[in-house]
């Protein structure tokens, strides 16, 4: 009865990745490179991938870094991750406004 009232430990909660075994734990999409410095080659590859309109999820696998790390580095370096080939249907032209 006491266990029902008290909060469960983090590793006992359903959905917790702590202590989990399986493909998501054994073979992550990228190896953890926490706080590992960016090399000039990494930055140039990031620029190349951003220029090619590569999604950030694919960039994270190719650069083996988390998506958040890629976004923050791109912002610090002034690299735009916004796709160049945007849909023309949402744009308003001067001729469309006159109608």
Protein backbone atom coordinates (compact mmCIF):
# COMPACT_ATOMS: atom_id res chain seq x y z
CA UNK A 1 0.00 0.00 0.00
CA UNK A 2 2.89 2.36 0.76
CA UNK A 3 4.31 1.92 -2.76
CA UNK A 4 1.03 3.03 -4.31
CA UNK A 5 1.05 6.29 -2.38
CA UNK A 6 4.72 7.13 -2.86
CA UNK A 7 6.07 8.15 -6.26
CA UNK A 8 7.92 5.45 -8.17
CA UNK A 9 11.63 5.78 -8.83
CA UNK A 10 12.53 7.06 -12.30
CA UNK A 11 13.87 3.73 -13.49
CA UNK A 12 10.69 1.91 -12.41
CA UNK A 13 8.30 4.20 -14.31
CA UNK A 14 6.82 2.86 -17.53
CA UNK A 15 8.47 4.38 -20.59
CA UNK A 16 11.75 5.14 -18.83
CA UNK A 17 14.85 4.43 -20.97
CA UNK A 18 16.94 3.70 -17.87
CA UNK A 19 17.94 0.06 -17.74
CA UNK A 20 16.23 -0.71 -21.03
CA UNK A 21 17.70 -3.24 -23.40
CA UNK A 22 17.01 -3.57 -27.09
CA UNK A 23 17.80 -2.00 -30.46
CA UNK A 24 17.21 1.61 -29.38
CA UNK A 25 19.66 1.26 -26.49
CA UNK A 26 22.22 -1.05 -28.13
CA UNK A 27 22.39 0.66 -31.55
CA UNK A 28 21.57 4.37 -31.27
CA UNK A 29 21.36 6.46 -34.44
CA UNK A 30 24.47 8.36 -33.35
CA UNK A 31 27.12 7.71 -30.74
CA UNK A 32 27.12 10.19 -27.90
CA UNK A 33 29.50 13.01 -28.65
CA UNK A 34 28.52 15.18 -25.73
CA UNK A 35 30.67 18.28 -25.41
CA UNK A 36 33.04 17.06 -28.09
CA UNK A 37 34.43 20.06 -29.98
CA UNK A 38 33.41 20.66 -33.59
CA UNK A 39 36.24 20.25 -36.07
CA UNK A 40 36.50 22.49 -39.15
CA UNK A 41 35.64 19.42 -41.23
CA UNK A 42 32.42 18.95 -39.22
CA UNK A 43 31.44 22.58 -39.76
CA UNK A 44 32.12 22.40 -43.50
CA UNK A 45 30.05 19.20 -43.74
CA UNK A 46 27.24 20.96 -41.83
CA UNK A 47 27.36 23.85 -44.33
CA UNK A 48 27.32 21.41 -47.25
CA UNK A 49 24.34 19.49 -45.85
CA UNK A 50 22.43 22.71 -45.08
CA UNK A 51 23.04 23.96 -48.61
CA UNK A 52 21.59 20.72 -49.98
CA UNK A 53 18.33 21.15 -47.97
CA UNK A 54 19.05 18.06 -45.87
CA UNK A 55 16.62 17.58 -42.95
CA UNK A 56 18.13 17.98 -39.48
CA UNK A 57 17.26 14.37 -38.60
CA UNK A 58 19.39 13.11 -41.48
CA UNK A 59 22.14 15.60 -40.58
CA UNK A 60 22.23 14.21 -37.05
CA UNK A 61 22.86 10.70 -38.35
CA UNK A 62 25.50 11.81 -40.87
CA UNK A 63 27.34 14.06 -38.40
CA UNK A 64 26.65 11.67 -35.47
CA UNK A 65 25.43 14.49 -33.25
CA UNK A 66 22.05 15.27 -31.67
CA UNK A 67 19.58 17.46 -33.60
CA UNK A 68 19.75 20.14 -30.90
CA UNK A 69 23.55 20.33 -31.23
CA UNK A 70 23.25 20.76 -35.00
CA UNK A 71 20.66 23.51 -34.66
CA UNK A 72 22.66 25.42 -32.06
CA UNK A 73 25.92 25.15 -34.02
CA UNK A 74 24.20 26.31 -37.20
CA UNK A 75 22.80 29.32 -35.37
CA UNK A 76 26.22 30.18 -33.89
CA UNK A 77 27.90 29.87 -37.30
CA UNK A 78 25.15 31.81 -39.09
CA UNK A 79 24.09 28.83 -41.23
CA UNK A 80 20.43 28.81 -42.28
CA UNK A 81 18.69 25.45 -41.99
CA UNK A 82 15.52 26.76 -43.66
CA UNK A 83 14.86 24.96 -46.98
CA UNK A 84 15.51 27.04 -50.08
CA UNK A 85 12.87 25.40 -52.26
CA UNK A 86 9.78 26.70 -50.45
CA UNK A 87 6.31 26.27 -51.86
CA UNK A 88 5.25 29.09 -54.20
CA UNK A 89 1.58 28.75 -53.16
CA UNK A 90 1.99 30.62 -49.87
CA UNK A 91 3.75 33.60 -51.38
CA UNK A 92 1.91 36.74 -52.38
CA UNK A 93 3.03 38.68 -55.41
CA UNK A 94 2.28 42.30 -56.24
CA UNK A 95 -0.09 41.24 -59.03
CA UNK A 96 -2.07 38.98 -56.69
CA UNK A 97 -2.64 41.82 -54.20
CA UNK A 98 -4.15 44.10 -56.87
CA UNK A 99 -6.92 41.67 -57.80
